C-alpha atoms as a PDB file:
ATOM      1  CA  MET A   1     -82.668 -73.885 173.331  1.00  0.00           C
ATOM      2  CA  SER A   2     -84.798 -73.614 176.372  1.00  0.00           C
ATOM      3  CA  GLU A   3     -83.935 -71.120 179.073  1.00  0.00           C
ATOM      4  CA  GLY A   4     -83.065 -73.810 181.599  1.00  0.00           C
ATOM      5  CA  SER A   5     -80.762 -75.865 179.355  1.00  0.00           C
ATOM      6  CA  PRO A   6     -77.082 -76.119 180.332  1.00  0.00           C
ATOM      7  CA  ALA A   7     -75.978 -74.304 177.171  1.00  0.00           C
ATOM      8  CA  SER A   8     -77.939 -71.179 178.128  1.00  0.00           C
ATOM      9  CA  ARG A   9     -76.184 -71.002 181.504  1.00  0.00           C
ATOM     10  CA  ARG A  10     -72.670 -70.955 180.068  1.00  0.00           C
ATOM     11  CA  PRO A  11     -70.767 -67.683 180.103  1.00  0.00           C
ATOM     12  CA  PRO A  12     -70.450 -66.044 176.699  1.00  0.00           C
ATOM     13  CA  ARG A  13     -67.648 -67.433 174.586  1.00  0.00           C
ATOM     14  CA  GLN A  14     -64.502 -65.305 174.707  1.00  0.00           C
ATOM     15  CA  SER A  15     -63.011 -64.185 171.453  1.00  0.00           C
ATOM     16  CA  ARG A  16     -59.647 -65.542 170.454  1.00  0.00           C
ATOM     17  CA  THR A  17     -58.132 -62.180 169.648  1.00  0.00           C
ATOM     18  CA  GLY A  18     -55.411 -62.480 172.265  1.00  0.00           C
ATOM     19  CA  THR A  19     -56.876 -59.811 174.534  1.00  0.00           C
ATOM     20  CA  THR A  20     -58.978 -59.918 177.678  1.00  0.00           C
ATOM     21  CA  SER A  21     -62.204 -57.993 178.225  1.00  0.00           C
ATOM     22  CA  THR A  22     -60.150 -55.051 179.571  1.00  0.00           C
ATOM     23  CA  GLY A  23     -58.051 -54.917 176.423  1.00  0.00           C
ATOM     24  CA  ALA A  24     -54.895 -56.364 178.009  1.00  0.00           C
ATOM     25  CA  ARG A  25     -53.102 -59.227 176.280  1.00  0.00           C
ATOM     26  CA  LYS A  26     -53.924 -62.770 177.321  1.00  0.00           C
ATOM     27  CA  ALA A  27     -51.122 -64.660 179.060  1.00  0.00           C
ATOM     28  CA  GLY A  28     -50.604 -67.096 176.189  1.00  0.00           C
ATOM     29  CA  SER A  29     -49.751 -64.332 173.743  1.00  0.00           C
ATOM     30  CA  LYS A  30     -47.056 -62.657 175.857  1.00  0.00           C
ATOM     31  CA  SER A  31     -43.362 -62.697 175.039  1.00  0.00           C
ATOM     32  CA  THR A  32     -40.691 -63.451 177.626  1.00  0.00           C
ATOM     33  CA  ARG A  33     -39.803 -59.747 177.687  1.00  0.00           C
ATOM     34  CA  SER A  34     -43.435 -58.775 178.280  1.00  0.00           C
ATOM     35  CA  ARG A  35     -43.497 -61.172 181.208  1.00  0.00           C
ATOM     36  CA  ALA A  36     -40.220 -59.696 182.497  1.00  0.00           C
ATOM     37  CA  ARG A  37     -41.840 -56.244 182.424  1.00  0.00           C
ATOM     38  CA  GLU A  38     -44.818 -57.576 184.388  1.00  0.00           C
ATOM     39  CA  PHE A  39     -42.591 -58.940 187.130  1.00  0.00           C
ATOM     40  CA  ALA A  40     -40.488 -55.771 187.097  1.00  0.00           C
ATOM     41  CA  VAL A  41     -43.562 -53.555 187.551  1.00  0.00           C
ATOM     42  CA  GLN A  42     -44.605 -55.686 190.526  1.00  0.00           C
ATOM     43  CA  GLY A  43     -41.136 -55.367 192.065  1.00  0.00           C
ATOM     44  CA  LEU A  44     -40.983 -51.637 191.409  1.00  0.00           C
ATOM     45  CA  TYR A  45     -44.419 -51.252 192.970  1.00  0.00           C
ATOM     46  CA  GLN A  46     -43.069 -52.910 196.129  1.00  0.00           C
ATOM     47  CA  HIS A  47     -40.055 -50.623 196.044  1.00  0.00           C
ATOM     48  CA  LEU A  48     -42.199 -47.498 195.654  1.00  0.00           C
ATOM     49  CA  LEU A  49     -44.312 -48.553 198.622  1.00  0.00           C
ATOM     50  CA  GLY A  50     -41.105 -48.821 200.640  1.00  0.00           C
ATOM     51  CA  SER A  51     -41.369 -52.504 201.396  1.00  0.00           C
ATOM     52  CA  GLY A  52     -37.850 -53.816 200.946  1.00  0.00           C
ATOM     53  CA  ASP A  53     -34.517 -53.277 199.322  1.00  0.00           C
ATOM     54  CA  ALA A  54     -33.829 -54.251 195.717  1.00  0.00           C
ATOM     55  CA  GLN A  55     -32.246 -57.585 196.604  1.00  0.00           C
ATOM     56  CA  SER A  56     -35.148 -58.684 198.841  1.00  0.00           C
ATOM     57  CA  ILE A  57     -37.694 -57.613 196.228  1.00  0.00           C
ATOM     58  CA  ASP A  58     -35.722 -59.458 193.544  1.00  0.00           C
ATOM     59  CA  MET A  59     -35.630 -62.691 195.562  1.00  0.00           C
ATOM     60  CA  PHE A  60     -39.355 -62.453 196.361  1.00  0.00           C
ATOM     61  CA  THR A  61     -40.328 -61.745 192.746  1.00  0.00           C
ATOM     62  CA  ARG A  62     -38.269 -64.632 191.362  1.00  0.00           C
ATOM     63  CA  ASP A  63     -40.309 -66.987 193.556  1.00  0.00           C
ATOM     64  CA  LEU A  64     -43.633 -65.866 192.048  1.00  0.00           C
ATOM     65  CA  ALA A  65     -45.531 -68.309 189.843  1.00  0.00           C
ATOM     66  CA  GLY A  66     -44.631 -67.994 186.180  1.00  0.00           C
ATOM     67  CA  PHE A  67     -41.303 -66.223 186.635  1.00  0.00           C
ATOM     68  CA  HIS A  68     -39.575 -69.048 184.755  1.00  0.00           C
ATOM     69  CA  LYS A  69     -41.422 -67.872 181.608  1.00  0.00           C
ATOM     70  CA  ALA A  70     -39.895 -64.376 181.847  1.00  0.00           C
ATOM     71  CA  ASP A  71     -36.662 -63.061 180.341  1.00  0.00           C
ATOM     72  CA  ALA A  72     -34.647 -62.968 183.577  1.00  0.00           C
ATOM     73  CA  ALA A  73     -31.891 -60.753 182.150  1.00  0.00           C
ATOM     74  CA  HIS A  74     -34.407 -58.136 181.007  1.00  0.00           C
ATOM     75  CA  TYR A  75     -36.178 -58.308 184.371  1.00  0.00           C
ATOM     76  CA  ASP A  76     -32.832 -57.763 186.163  1.00  0.00           C
ATOM     77  CA  ALA A  77     -32.001 -54.770 183.987  1.00  0.00           C
ATOM     78  CA  LEU A  78     -35.415 -53.191 184.544  1.00  0.00           C
ATOM     79  CA  LEU A  79     -35.745 -53.804 188.270  1.00  0.00           C
ATOM     80  CA  HIS A  80     -32.213 -52.886 189.301  1.00  0.00           C
ATOM     81  CA  GLY A  81     -31.755 -50.198 186.638  1.00  0.00           C
ATOM     82  CA  CYS A  82     -34.964 -48.400 187.621  1.00  0.00           C
ATOM     83  CA  ILE A  83     -34.253 -48.598 191.340  1.00  0.00           C
ATOM     84  CA  GLU A  84     -30.645 -47.401 190.940  1.00  0.00           C
ATOM     85  CA  GLY A  85     -31.640 -44.645 188.511  1.00  0.00           C
ATOM     86  CA  ALA A  86     -34.895 -43.643 190.234  1.00  0.00           C
ATOM     87  CA  ALA A  87     -33.947 -40.000 190.819  1.00  0.00           C
ATOM     88  CA  GLN A  88     -32.755 -39.535 187.236  1.00  0.00           C
ATOM     89  CA  LEU A  89     -35.867 -41.273 185.837  1.00  0.00           C
ATOM     90  CA  ASP A  90     -38.111 -39.082 187.990  1.00  0.00           C
ATOM     91  CA  ALA A  91     -36.281 -35.977 186.726  1.00  0.00           C
ATOM     92  CA  LEU A  92     -37.031 -37.054 183.142  1.00  0.00           C
ATOM     93  CA  ILE A  93     -40.686 -37.853 183.830  1.00  0.00           C
ATOM     94  CA  GLU A  94     -41.685 -34.927 186.089  1.00  0.00           C
ATOM     95  CA  PRO A  95     -41.706 -32.138 183.461  1.00  0.00           C
ATOM     96  CA  HIS A  96     -44.318 -34.099 181.482  1.00  0.00           C
ATOM     97  CA  LEU A  97     -46.728 -34.611 184.384  1.00  0.00           C
ATOM     98  CA  ASP A  98     -49.934 -32.686 184.946  1.00  0.00           C
ATOM     99  CA  ARG A  99     -49.687 -33.279 188.710  1.00  0.00           C
ATOM    100  CA  LYS A 100     -47.067 -33.725 191.392  1.00  0.00           C
ATOM    101  CA  LEU A 101     -45.109 -36.961 191.242  1.00  0.00           C
ATOM    102  CA  ALA A 102     -46.262 -37.766 194.794  1.00  0.00           C
ATOM    103  CA  GLU A 103     -49.855 -37.851 193.463  1.00  0.00           C
ATOM    104  CA  VAL A 104     -49.070 -40.435 190.777  1.00  0.00           C
ATOM    105  CA  SER A 105     -50.228 -43.980 191.470  1.00  0.00           C
ATOM    106  CA  PRO A 106     -47.299 -46.305 192.283  1.00  0.00           C
ATOM    107  CA  ILE A 107     -48.303 -48.541 189.355  1.00  0.00           C
ATOM    108  CA  GLU A 108     -48.262 -45.734 186.799  1.00  0.00           C
ATOM    109  CA  HIS A 109     -45.034 -44.441 188.365  1.00  0.00           C
ATOM    110  CA  ALA A 110     -43.387 -47.870 187.990  1.00  0.00           C
ATOM    111  CA  VAL A 111     -44.650 -48.225 184.418  1.00  0.00           C
ATOM    112  CA  MET A 112     -43.254 -44.806 183.466  1.00  0.00           C
ATOM    113  CA  TRP A 113     -39.911 -45.752 185.048  1.00  0.00           C
ATOM    114  CA  ILE A 114     -39.847 -48.846 182.849  1.00  0.00           C
ATOM    115  CA  GLY A 115     -40.684 -46.793 179.757  1.00  0.00           C
ATOM    116  CA  ALA A 116     -38.060 -44.128 180.459  1.00  0.00           C
ATOM    117  CA  TYR A 117     -35.453 -46.776 181.326  1.00  0.00           C
ATOM    118  CA  GLU A 118     -36.112 -48.737 178.133  1.00  0.00           C
ATOM    119  CA  PHE A 119     -35.992 -45.561 176.028  1.00  0.00           C
ATOM    120  CA  GLN A 120     -32.506 -44.928 177.405  1.00  0.00           C
ATOM    121  CA  HIS A 121     -30.979 -48.378 177.817  1.00  0.00           C
ATOM    122  CA  CYS A 122     -32.843 -50.867 175.613  1.00  0.00           C
ATOM    123  CA  LEU A 123     -32.152 -49.431 172.196  1.00  0.00           C
ATOM    124  CA  ASP A 124     -32.982 -52.771 170.568  1.00  0.00           C
ATOM    125  CA  VAL A 125     -36.624 -52.190 171.558  1.00  0.00           C
ATOM    126  CA  PRO A 126     -38.307 -49.723 169.164  1.00  0.00           C
ATOM    127  CA  TRP A 127     -39.769 -46.647 170.855  1.00  0.00           C
ATOM    128  CA  ARG A 128     -43.314 -47.526 169.771  1.00  0.00           C
ATOM    129  CA  VAL A 129     -42.923 -51.004 171.283  1.00  0.00           C
ATOM    130  CA  VAL A 130     -41.767 -49.452 174.572  1.00  0.00           C
ATOM    131  CA  ILE A 131     -44.906 -47.295 174.657  1.00  0.00           C
ATOM    132  CA  ASN A 132     -47.211 -50.164 173.680  1.00  0.00           C
ATOM    133  CA  GLU A 133     -45.715 -52.454 176.317  1.00  0.00           C
ATOM    134  CA  CYS A 134     -46.151 -49.761 178.968  1.00  0.00           C
ATOM    135  CA  ILE A 135     -49.760 -49.211 177.913  1.00  0.00           C
ATOM    136  CA  GLU A 136     -50.351 -52.961 178.328  1.00  0.00           C
ATOM    137  CA  LEU A 137     -48.781 -52.890 181.805  1.00  0.00           C
ATOM    138  CA  ALA A 138     -50.937 -49.937 182.835  1.00  0.00           C
ATOM    139  CA  LYS A 139     -54.070 -51.661 181.485  1.00  0.00           C
ATOM    140  CA  GLU A 140     -53.284 -54.850 183.354  1.00  0.00           C
ATOM    141  CA  PHE A 141     -52.112 -53.437 186.688  1.00  0.00           C
ATOM    142  CA  GLY A 142     -53.174 -49.797 186.828  1.00  0.00           C
ATOM    143  CA  GLY A 143     -56.317 -47.767 187.289  1.00  0.00           C
ATOM    144  CA  THR A 144     -59.173 -47.488 184.803  1.00  0.00           C
ATOM    145  CA  ASP A 145     -57.700 -44.810 182.523  1.00  0.00           C
ATOM    146  CA  GLY A 146     -54.117 -44.929 183.764  1.00  0.00           C
ATOM    147  CA  HIS A 147     -52.936 -46.371 180.450  1.00  0.00           C
ATOM    148  CA  LYS A 148     -54.118 -43.245 178.595  1.00  0.00           C
ATOM    149  CA  TRP A 149     -52.186 -41.019 180.956  1.00  0.00           C
ATOM    150  CA  VAL A 150     -49.027 -43.181 180.744  1.00  0.00           C
ATOM    151  CA  ASN A 151     -49.334 -43.100 176.956  1.00  0.00           C
ATOM    152  CA  GLY A 152     -49.475 -39.299 176.965  1.00  0.00           C
ATOM    153  CA  VAL A 153     -46.430 -38.901 179.203  1.00  0.00           C
ATOM    154  CA  LEU A 154     -44.296 -41.452 177.325  1.00  0.00           C
ATOM    155  CA  ASN A 155     -45.287 -39.967 173.960  1.00  0.00           C
ATOM    156  CA  GLN A 156     -43.857 -36.654 175.181  1.00  0.00           C
ATOM    157  CA  LEU A 157     -40.729 -38.329 176.541  1.00  0.00           C
ATOM    158  CA  ALA A 158     -39.942 -40.400 173.431  1.00  0.00           C
ATOM    159  CA  PRO A 159     -38.797 -37.488 171.221  1.00  0.00           C
ATOM    160  CA  GLN A 160     -36.529 -36.314 174.037  1.00  0.00           C
ATOM    161  CA  LEU A 161     -34.819 -39.682 174.563  1.00  0.00           C
ATOM    162  CA  ARG A 162     -35.076 -41.205 171.080  1.00  0.00           C
ATOM    163  CA  SER A 163     -35.208 -38.126 168.863  1.00  0.00           C
ATOM    164  CA  ALA A 164     -33.585 -39.597 165.729  1.00  0.00           C
ATOM    165  CA  GLU A 165     -35.707 -42.747 165.867  1.00  0.00           C
ATOM    166  CA  VAL A 166     -38.944 -40.822 166.484  1.00  0.00           C
ATOM    167  CA  GLN A 167     -38.195 -38.330 163.694  1.00  0.00           C
ATOM    168  CA  ALA A 168     -37.347 -41.088 161.231  1.00  0.00           C
ATOM    169  CA  ASP A 169     -40.481 -42.990 162.180  1.00  0.00           C
ATOM    170  CA  LYS A 170     -42.784 -39.991 161.963  1.00  0.00           C
ATOM    171  CA  GLY A 171     -41.892 -38.803 158.514  1.00  0.00           C
ATOM    172  CA  GLY A 172     -38.267 -38.169 157.951  1.00  0.00           C
ATOM    173  CA  VAL A 173     -35.354 -35.996 158.815  1.00  0.00           C
ATOM    174  CA  GLY A 174     -35.934 -32.302 159.339  1.00  0.00           C
ATOM    175  CA  GLN A 175     -39.483 -32.559 160.632  1.00  0.00           C
ATOM    176  CA  ALA A 176     -40.188 -31.715 164.221  1.00  0.00           C
ATOM    177  CA  PRO A 177     -41.374 -34.697 166.243  1.00  0.00           C
ATOM    178  CA  GLN A 178     -45.042 -34.658 167.100  1.00  0.00           C
ATOM    179  CA  GLY A 179     -46.812 -35.956 170.178  1.00  0.00           C
END
């Protein structure tokens, strides 16, 4: 092909692996619960920035494009559960931080709230899935390496909130959880 042909001016073909160039999942490969988490993190971000009460944030978020593809019940549980339990969630998260909570980005803060909330209240979601979903949220919405930091904090929190499940998953009863 010559350098000036139309084919040489096309962007490179994207792989069909289900992930974007940043490593986040493509929209077509997301479950309704993953979408619910995305809308919840956006609502929690608004809440953390102090722009509105839970009901106003909820109404605004439900009007966003694509909300109809989300699991509305899971979104409700996450948004309202995290806002109502914010102080308790912060108390769980803070001991695992390497900085003050006030220095944590609102996106990573919201993602960790979701992870801690799901560890406690969404027992049908395996602990590894909770962590993976939170990593995806941090990749999509957070800073460059925020997902690595979120992963580290939630991996420390998992044995505390899901000890039997983590122990069973990591090699059996009687072994101390790692991570």
